[in-house]
Amino acid sequence: MHPREFVAFVAALMAVNALGVDLMLPALADIGHQLNIATANHRQWIITAYMLGFGAGQLVYGPLADRFGRRPILFVTLAGFVAASIFAAGSQTFVALLGARVLQGLMSASTRVLAVAIVRDRFAGRQMARTLSVAQMIFFLVPIMAPGLGQLLLGIGPWRFIFYALAGFAAFVLVWAATRLDETLPVERRSPLSFASLGRAYRLTLTNRFSAGYALAAALTFGGIIAFVSSAQQIFVDEFGAGERFTLLFALCAFSMGCASFANSRLVERLGTRLISQAAVLGLIALSVVHLGVIGSGHETLVTYMIFQALSMTCIGLCGSNFGAMAMEPVGHIAGTASSIQGFITSVGAVAVGSLIGQSYDGTTWPLAIGYLCIGLAVLAVVMVVEGGRLFRPLHAA
């Protein structure tokens, strides 16, 4: 692939997962009504179930991709995602839908593992972070467009159309990969699939403080995204009465993350992953403290919420690809397996954090603002441990 096509393909691969989360947000109320979901907060499980499958599946695909190559695993799982989406479209009960969502997550887990591994096969360090940032800049257009597209699909048919659309997009990416993607892992670099080799890879990934530490930091920040996505409809529709503007307001918040990724892609090779991401963590903490002051003083409005949410998402966006690149740097020679382990830590940890915050929704923005402050403080503590108590160290010093 031409470099630009390669970035676009990586973005499309990552978008399979993003669409799996965001496309159905406008339909949550309709799904809840038709499938008799009595408690509003329980609708969040449609998102959470997907993310649980997404997290668990990542443990499998990395070792398989390191043994058999990237392409075969990608083909099988994208086909599985198409099948799971069709199954979800035909679900008649809430339990069946949750089962289909877990299966969707299990299949789409390969997209995260293989996207990172394929990029790591070709790049390292700041260049890897820049490539991922450009891909994520395109990828973040998906949350901007997805709720609007979901609303459009609801306008022409029932919520089940959304799952057929997911199946169609995954099929498109599958054809693109089959016709244009070369294998990025040569046969001579493939690892045997054995308990001994897996044990060594797991031990290296989990005992290296940069690998494990920045994967944990990524989990915490990603948890903030899940908390927002899970409770966004309730906040905008129920609390602020902005249901008719939900897709636009959600898109503006997502756009701030896209801007962050664009800025990161332009600055990271000059300023470095540490300076940008660690400054963003401090910014998230400061924003959360001020936001809590606004809420506590009784001055919270839709406008103030949008400002603080967009700025917080910007900080989180500046952390994501940089934390991922720093976590992968010491384990690039086992990129597939390491990506699986780190992805599992990131996704399952994010589900735990995001669900805790999301299920605490009480009709106000208090839980989300408190959650973001706790996330910022926890990430700062992890980074301080990983970096030996010093921030903004250059790469060679670390």
Protein backbone atom coordinates (compact mmCIF):
# COMPACT_ATOMS: atom_id res chain seq x y z
CA MET A 1 0.00 0.00 0.00
CA HIS A 2 0.96 3.61 -0.57
CA PRO A 3 1.66 5.25 2.83
CA ARG A 4 -1.54 7.31 2.67
CA GLU A 5 -3.62 4.28 1.80
CA PHE A 6 -1.92 2.38 4.62
CA VAL A 7 -2.94 5.03 7.15
CA ALA A 8 -6.47 5.09 5.74
CA PHE A 9 -6.70 1.31 5.98
CA VAL A 10 -5.50 1.30 9.60
CA ALA A 11 -8.08 3.97 10.38
CA ALA A 12 -10.83 1.93 8.70
CA LEU A 13 -9.76 -1.16 10.63
CA MET A 14 -9.96 0.77 13.89
CA ALA A 15 -13.31 2.23 12.79
CA VAL A 16 -14.93 -1.22 12.79
CA ASN A 17 -14.67 -1.14 16.57
CA ALA A 18 -15.66 2.52 16.88
CA LEU A 19 -18.80 1.98 14.79
CA GLY A 20 -19.63 -1.05 16.90
CA VAL A 21 -19.86 1.28 19.89
CA ASP A 22 -21.11 4.61 18.56
CA LEU A 23 -23.45 3.80 15.69
CA MET A 24 -26.25 2.58 17.95
CA LEU A 25 -26.18 5.37 20.54
CA PRO A 26 -29.27 7.12 19.09
CA ALA A 27 -31.10 3.75 19.15
CA LEU A 28 -30.58 2.89 22.82
CA ALA A 29 -33.97 4.27 23.83
CA ASP A 30 -35.73 2.39 21.01
CA ILE A 31 -33.90 -0.84 21.86
CA GLY A 32 -34.80 -0.40 25.54
CA HIS A 33 -38.46 0.13 24.68
CA GLN A 34 -38.78 -2.80 22.27
CA LEU A 35 -36.81 -5.26 24.40
CA ASN A 36 -38.45 -4.15 27.69
CA ILE A 37 -35.36 -2.77 29.43
CA ALA A 38 -37.04 -1.12 32.41
CA THR A 39 -34.04 0.67 34.02
CA ALA A 40 -32.42 3.39 31.93
CA ASN A 41 -28.91 2.72 33.27
CA HIS A 42 -29.23 -0.93 32.17
CA ARG A 43 -29.19 0.21 28.54
CA GLN A 44 -25.52 1.01 29.09
CA TRP A 45 -24.87 -2.76 29.10
CA ILE A 46 -25.39 -2.77 25.33
CA ILE A 47 -22.13 -0.82 25.19
CA THR A 48 -20.45 -2.56 28.12
CA ALA A 49 -21.15 -6.10 26.87
CA TYR A 50 -19.46 -5.25 23.59
CA MET A 51 -16.41 -3.85 25.38
CA LEU A 52 -16.12 -6.92 27.61
CA GLY A 53 -15.92 -9.16 24.56
CA PHE A 54 -13.54 -6.70 22.95
CA GLY A 55 -11.21 -6.85 25.94
CA ALA A 56 -11.26 -10.61 26.41
CA GLY A 57 -10.75 -11.40 22.73
CA GLN A 58 -7.50 -9.49 22.56
CA LEU A 59 -5.68 -12.13 24.60
CA VAL A 60 -6.11 -14.64 21.77
CA TYR A 61 -5.34 -12.81 18.57
CA GLY A 62 -1.84 -11.54 19.26
CA PRO A 63 -0.21 -14.97 19.74
CA LEU A 64 -2.14 -16.31 16.75
CA ALA A 65 -1.05 -13.36 14.61
CA ASP A 66 2.58 -13.82 15.70
CA ARG A 67 2.38 -17.48 14.67
CA PHE A 68 0.29 -17.45 11.49
CA GLY A 69 0.70 -13.85 10.28
CA ARG A 70 -1.62 -10.86 10.33
CA ARG A 71 -3.78 -11.51 7.26
CA PRO A 72 -5.34 -14.91 8.10
CA ILE A 73 -6.44 -13.78 11.57
CA LEU A 74 -7.85 -10.55 10.18
CA PHE A 75 -9.89 -12.36 7.53
CA VAL A 76 -11.45 -14.86 9.94
CA THR A 77 -12.39 -12.29 12.59
CA LEU A 78 -13.85 -9.74 10.18
CA ALA A 79 -16.03 -12.50 8.73
CA GLY A 80 -17.03 -13.41 12.29
CA PHE A 81 -17.95 -9.79 13.00
CA VAL A 82 -20.24 -9.78 9.97
CA ALA A 83 -21.99 -12.92 11.25
CA ALA A 84 -22.31 -11.55 14.81
CA SER A 85 -23.82 -8.31 13.49
CA ILE A 86 -26.46 -10.24 11.57
CA PHE A 87 -27.19 -12.28 14.70
CA ALA A 88 -27.59 -9.05 16.70
CA ALA A 89 -30.00 -7.68 14.11
CA GLY A 90 -32.25 -10.69 14.63
CA SER A 91 -32.19 -10.65 18.46
CA GLN A 92 -35.64 -10.87 20.06
CA THR A 93 -34.62 -10.52 23.73
CA PHE A 94 -32.24 -8.33 25.72
CA VAL A 95 -30.20 -11.38 26.73
CA ALA A 96 -29.82 -12.50 23.11
CA LEU A 97 -28.74 -9.01 22.11
CA LEU A 98 -26.15 -8.90 24.88
CA GLY A 99 -24.81 -12.27 23.75
CA ALA A 100 -24.53 -10.98 20.19
CA ARG A 101 -22.79 -7.86 21.44
CA VAL A 102 -20.22 -9.92 23.36
CA LEU A 103 -19.61 -11.95 20.19
CA GLN A 104 -19.23 -8.76 18.16
CA GLY A 105 -16.68 -7.52 20.68
CA LEU A 106 -14.78 -10.81 20.58
CA MET A 107 -14.49 -10.59 16.80
CA SER A 108 -13.65 -6.87 16.63
CA ALA A 109 -10.91 -7.32 19.25
CA SER A 110 -8.62 -8.40 16.42
CA THR A 111 -8.92 -4.96 14.82
CA ARG A 112 -7.23 -3.27 17.76
CA VAL A 113 -4.52 -5.92 18.15
CA LEU A 114 -3.75 -6.17 14.45
CA ALA A 115 -3.89 -2.42 13.79
CA VAL A 116 -1.20 -1.81 16.43
CA ALA A 117 0.85 -4.87 15.40
CA ILE A 118 0.73 -4.00 11.69
CA VAL A 119 1.85 -0.44 12.40
CA ARG A 120 4.57 -1.72 14.77
CA ASP A 121 5.77 -4.11 12.05
CA ARG A 122 6.60 -1.06 9.95
CA PHE A 123 7.42 1.71 12.45
CA ALA A 124 8.73 2.32 15.98
CA GLY A 125 8.93 5.05 18.60
CA ARG A 126 7.84 8.56 17.65
CA GLN A 127 7.21 7.53 14.03
CA MET A 128 4.84 4.85 15.26
CA ALA A 129 3.10 7.38 17.51
CA ARG A 130 2.79 9.79 14.58
CA THR A 131 1.34 7.10 12.29
CA LEU A 132 -1.16 6.03 14.95
CA SER A 133 -2.08 9.65 15.57
CA VAL A 134 -2.82 10.27 11.89
CA ALA A 135 -4.87 7.06 11.76
CA GLN A 136 -6.71 8.04 14.93
CA MET A 137 -7.36 11.51 13.53
CA ILE A 138 -9.28 9.85 10.70
CA PHE A 139 -10.68 7.29 13.11
CA PHE A 140 -12.13 9.99 15.35
CA LEU A 141 -14.24 11.21 12.46
CA VAL A 142 -16.25 8.03 13.03
CA PRO A 143 -17.69 9.08 16.42
CA ILE A 144 -18.49 12.46 14.87
CA MET A 145 -20.48 10.89 12.06
CA ALA A 146 -21.68 7.66 13.68
CA PRO A 147 -24.57 8.97 15.82
CA GLY A 148 -25.84 11.04 12.89
CA LEU A 149 -25.58 8.03 10.61
CA GLY A 150 -27.34 5.94 13.25
CA GLN A 151 -30.10 8.54 13.43
CA LEU A 152 -30.39 8.46 9.64
CA LEU A 153 -30.72 4.68 9.69
CA LEU A 154 -33.43 4.98 12.34
CA GLY A 155 -35.24 7.37 10.04
CA ILE A 156 -35.52 4.78 7.27
CA GLY A 157 -36.03 1.65 9.34
CA PRO A 158 -35.93 0.01 12.78
CA TRP A 159 -32.88 -0.14 15.04
CA ARG A 160 -31.98 -3.51 13.50
CA PHE A 161 -30.83 -1.69 10.35
CA ILE A 162 -27.90 -0.39 12.37
CA PHE A 163 -26.50 -3.89 12.82
CA TYR A 164 -26.91 -4.66 9.13
CA ALA A 165 -24.91 -1.49 8.42
CA LEU A 166 -22.15 -2.73 10.75
CA ALA A 167 -22.07 -6.02 8.87
CA GLY A 168 -21.77 -4.15 5.57
CA PHE A 169 -18.89 -1.95 6.71
CA ALA A 170 -16.93 -4.91 8.13
CA ALA A 171 -17.42 -6.76 4.84
CA PHE A 172 -16.03 -3.73 2.98
CA VAL A 173 -12.88 -3.67 5.17
CA LEU A 174 -12.51 -7.43 4.68
CA VAL A 175 -12.51 -7.05 0.88
CA TRP A 176 -10.05 -4.12 1.14
CA ALA A 177 -7.65 -6.20 3.26
CA ALA A 178 -7.94 -9.22 0.98
CA THR A 179 -7.15 -7.23 -2.16
CA ARG A 180 -4.67 -4.58 -0.95
CA LEU A 181 -2.96 -5.52 2.33
CA ASP A 182 0.36 -7.35 2.10
CA GLU A 183 1.47 -9.57 4.96
CA THR A 184 3.60 -7.39 7.28
CA LEU A 185 5.10 -10.25 9.32
CA PRO A 186 7.61 -12.30 7.33
CA VAL A 187 7.74 -16.05 7.93
CA GLU A 188 11.23 -15.84 9.47
CA ARG A 189 9.96 -13.46 12.18
CA ARG A 190 7.01 -15.59 13.26
CA SER A 191 6.94 -17.08 16.75
CA PRO A 192 6.08 -20.68 17.58
CA LEU A 193 2.77 -21.18 19.33
CA SER A 194 3.83 -22.89 22.55
CA PHE A 195 3.30 -22.46 26.26
CA ALA A 196 7.00 -21.69 26.70
CA SER A 197 7.05 -18.90 24.09
CA LEU A 198 3.75 -17.48 25.35
CA GLY A 199 5.04 -17.57 28.91
CA ARG A 200 8.15 -15.63 27.94
CA ALA A 201 6.11 -13.06 26.02
CA TYR A 202 3.62 -12.65 28.87
CA ARG A 203 6.39 -12.35 31.43
CA LEU A 204 8.26 -9.74 29.40
CA THR A 205 5.14 -7.69 28.67
CA LEU A 206 3.84 -7.77 32.24
CA THR A 207 7.13 -7.27 34.07
CA ASN A 208 8.50 -4.43 31.96
CA ARG A 209 7.36 -1.35 33.85
CA PHE A 210 6.97 0.77 30.71
CA SER A 211 4.91 -1.88 28.93
CA ALA A 212 2.61 -2.72 31.84
CA GLY A 213 2.55 0.77 33.34
CA TYR A 214 1.56 2.66 30.23
CA ALA A 215 -0.98 -0.03 29.33
CA LEU A 216 -2.58 0.59 32.73
CA ALA A 217 -2.46 4.35 32.18
CA ALA A 218 -4.15 3.86 28.80
CA ALA A 219 -6.85 1.75 30.49
CA LEU A 220 -7.66 4.54 32.91
CA THR A 221 -7.92 7.24 30.24
CA PHE A 222 -9.89 4.96 27.91
CA GLY A 223 -12.26 4.36 30.82
CA GLY A 224 -13.10 8.06 30.69
CA ILE A 225 -14.18 7.67 27.06
CA ILE A 226 -16.38 4.67 27.87
CA ALA A 227 -17.97 6.53 30.79
CA PHE A 228 -18.84 9.44 28.50
CA VAL A 229 -20.13 7.27 25.65
CA SER A 230 -22.23 5.11 27.99
CA SER A 231 -23.95 8.04 29.69
CA ALA A 232 -23.93 10.61 26.86
CA GLN A 233 -27.50 10.06 25.77
CA GLN A 234 -28.80 10.31 29.33
CA ILE A 235 -26.81 13.48 30.05
CA PHE A 236 -27.76 15.30 26.86
CA VAL A 237 -31.35 14.07 26.62
CA ASP A 238 -32.51 13.58 30.22
CA GLU A 239 -30.48 16.18 32.10
CA PHE A 240 -30.19 19.01 29.57
CA GLY A 241 -33.24 18.24 27.40
CA ALA A 242 -31.18 18.48 24.22
CA GLY A 243 -32.42 15.33 22.55
CA GLU A 244 -32.91 16.95 19.15
CA ARG A 245 -29.28 18.13 19.22
CA PHE A 246 -27.77 14.96 20.67
CA THR A 247 -25.93 13.84 17.53
CA LEU A 248 -24.45 17.33 17.00
CA LEU A 249 -23.35 17.77 20.62
CA PHE A 250 -21.85 14.28 20.73
CA ALA A 251 -20.03 14.99 17.48
CA LEU A 252 -18.52 18.19 18.88
CA CYS A 253 -17.05 16.29 21.82
CA ALA A 254 -15.66 13.62 19.50
CA PHE A 255 -14.28 16.33 17.22
CA SER A 256 -12.15 17.62 20.08
CA MET A 257 -10.42 14.23 20.27
CA GLY A 258 -9.84 14.32 16.52
CA CYS A 259 -8.21 17.73 16.88
CA ALA A 260 -6.03 16.36 19.67
CA SER A 261 -4.85 13.49 17.48
CA PHE A 262 -4.12 15.87 14.60
CA ALA A 263 -2.09 18.12 16.89
CA ASN A 264 -0.26 15.12 18.31
CA SER A 265 0.64 13.85 14.84
CA ARG A 266 2.21 17.22 14.07
CA LEU A 267 4.03 17.71 17.36
CA VAL A 268 5.02 14.31 18.70
CA GLU A 269 8.20 13.81 16.65
CA ARG A 270 9.44 17.21 17.81
CA LEU A 271 8.23 17.33 21.43
CA GLY A 272 8.12 13.62 22.25
CA THR A 273 5.47 11.31 23.63
CA ARG A 274 6.29 11.97 27.26
CA LEU A 275 6.06 15.75 27.24
CA ILE A 276 2.73 15.75 25.39
CA SER A 277 0.97 12.94 27.25
CA GLN A 278 2.13 13.88 30.74
CA ALA A 279 1.20 17.53 30.24
CA ALA A 280 -2.24 16.33 29.07
CA VAL A 281 -2.69 14.35 32.31
CA LEU A 282 -1.97 17.44 34.37
CA GLY A 283 -4.40 19.37 32.19
CA LEU A 284 -7.14 16.77 32.80
CA ILE A 285 -6.68 17.07 36.55
CA ALA A 286 -6.85 20.89 36.47
CA LEU A 287 -9.94 20.88 34.24
CA SER A 288 -11.73 18.41 36.50
CA VAL A 289 -11.07 20.50 39.61
CA VAL A 290 -12.44 23.64 37.94
CA HIS A 291 -15.42 21.72 36.52
CA LEU A 292 -16.33 20.40 39.97
CA GLY A 293 -16.20 23.97 41.25
CA VAL A 294 -18.63 25.09 38.55
CA ILE A 295 -21.02 22.23 39.33
CA GLY A 296 -20.79 22.82 43.07
CA SER A 297 -21.55 26.52 42.67
CA GLY A 298 -24.76 25.71 40.79
CA HIS A 299 -23.60 27.28 37.51
CA GLU A 300 -23.49 24.10 35.42
CA THR A 301 -25.31 24.49 32.09
CA LEU A 302 -25.23 22.68 28.78
CA VAL A 303 -22.66 25.22 27.57
CA THR A 304 -20.30 24.78 30.53
CA TYR A 305 -20.65 21.01 30.34
CA MET A 306 -19.78 21.01 26.64
CA ILE A 307 -16.72 23.20 27.21
CA PHE A 308 -15.30 21.05 30.00
CA GLN A 309 -16.20 17.78 28.29
CA ALA A 310 -14.57 18.81 25.01
CA LEU A 311 -11.41 20.02 26.77
CA SER A 312 -11.24 16.86 28.87
CA MET A 313 -11.62 14.72 25.74
CA THR A 314 -8.80 16.71 24.16
CA CYS A 315 -6.52 15.81 27.07
CA ILE A 316 -7.56 12.17 26.85
CA GLY A 317 -6.92 12.22 23.10
CA LEU A 318 -3.38 13.49 23.68
CA CYS A 319 -2.74 10.56 26.01
CA GLY A 320 -4.09 7.63 23.96
CA SER A 321 -1.72 7.03 21.05
CA ASN A 322 1.31 8.22 23.06
CA PHE A 323 0.65 5.82 25.93
CA GLY A 324 0.17 3.03 23.37
CA ALA A 325 3.43 3.81 21.60
CA MET A 326 5.39 4.01 24.87
CA ALA A 327 3.89 0.73 26.06
CA MET A 328 4.88 -1.03 22.80
CA GLU A 329 8.39 0.42 22.52
CA PRO A 330 10.23 -2.16 24.69
CA VAL A 331 8.29 -5.15 23.33
CA GLY A 332 8.29 -4.50 19.59
CA HIS A 333 9.90 -7.88 18.82
CA ILE A 334 6.73 -9.61 20.14
CA ALA A 335 4.35 -6.96 18.86
CA GLY A 336 1.36 -9.24 18.29
CA THR A 337 1.36 -10.94 21.67
CA ALA A 338 2.32 -7.77 23.50
CA SER A 339 -0.48 -5.88 21.75
CA SER A 340 -2.90 -8.58 22.88
CA ILE A 341 -1.86 -8.40 26.50
CA GLN A 342 -1.75 -4.62 26.59
CA GLY A 343 -5.05 -4.43 24.75
CA PHE A 344 -6.65 -6.78 27.28
CA ILE A 345 -5.37 -4.64 30.17
CA THR A 346 -6.50 -1.45 28.46
CA SER A 347 -9.95 -2.66 27.41
CA VAL A 348 -11.00 -4.63 30.48
CA GLY A 349 -9.59 -1.98 32.78
CA ALA A 350 -11.42 0.70 30.81
CA VAL A 351 -14.69 -1.25 31.03
CA ALA A 352 -14.32 -1.50 34.79
CA VAL A 353 -13.54 2.21 35.16
CA GLY A 354 -16.12 3.36 32.62
CA SER A 355 -18.89 1.13 34.00
CA LEU A 356 -18.24 2.29 37.56
CA ILE A 357 -18.60 5.92 36.48
CA GLY A 358 -21.45 5.31 34.04
CA GLN A 359 -23.55 3.25 36.43
CA SER A 360 -23.13 6.02 39.01
CA TYR A 361 -25.09 8.42 36.81
CA ASP A 362 -27.67 10.13 39.03
CA GLY A 363 -29.20 12.70 36.71
CA THR A 364 -26.33 15.19 37.12
CA THR A 365 -22.81 15.62 35.76
CA TRP A 366 -21.24 15.12 39.18
CA PRO A 367 -20.28 11.43 38.67
CA LEU A 368 -18.53 12.09 35.36
CA ALA A 369 -16.59 15.10 36.66
CA ILE A 370 -15.53 13.26 39.83
CA GLY A 371 -14.63 10.24 37.71
CA TYR A 372 -12.38 12.32 35.44
CA LEU A 373 -10.58 13.80 38.44
CA CYS A 374 -9.97 10.33 39.88
CA ILE A 375 -8.76 9.09 36.49
CA GLY A 376 -6.33 11.99 36.16
CA LEU A 377 -4.90 11.48 39.65
CA ALA A 378 -4.60 7.71 39.16
CA VAL A 379 -2.86 8.12 35.79
CA LEU A 380 -0.45 10.64 37.30
CA ALA A 381 0.41 8.18 40.07
CA VAL A 382 1.04 5.38 37.55
CA VAL A 383 3.22 7.61 35.37
CA MET A 384 5.25 8.75 38.36
CA VAL A 385 5.96 5.12 39.30
CA VAL A 386 6.84 4.16 35.73
CA GLU A 387 9.12 7.17 35.23
CA GLY A 388 10.88 6.82 38.56
CA GLY A 389 9.26 9.89 40.10
CA ARG A 390 10.14 12.32 37.30
CA LEU A 391 7.98 13.80 34.58
CA PHE A 392 8.93 15.03 31.10
CA ARG A 393 12.07 12.96 30.84
CA PRO A 394 13.43 12.51 27.30
CA LEU A 395 13.30 9.01 25.80
CA HIS A 396 17.04 8.30 26.15
CA ALA A 397 16.89 9.19 29.86
CA ALA A 398 13.93 6.85 30.40
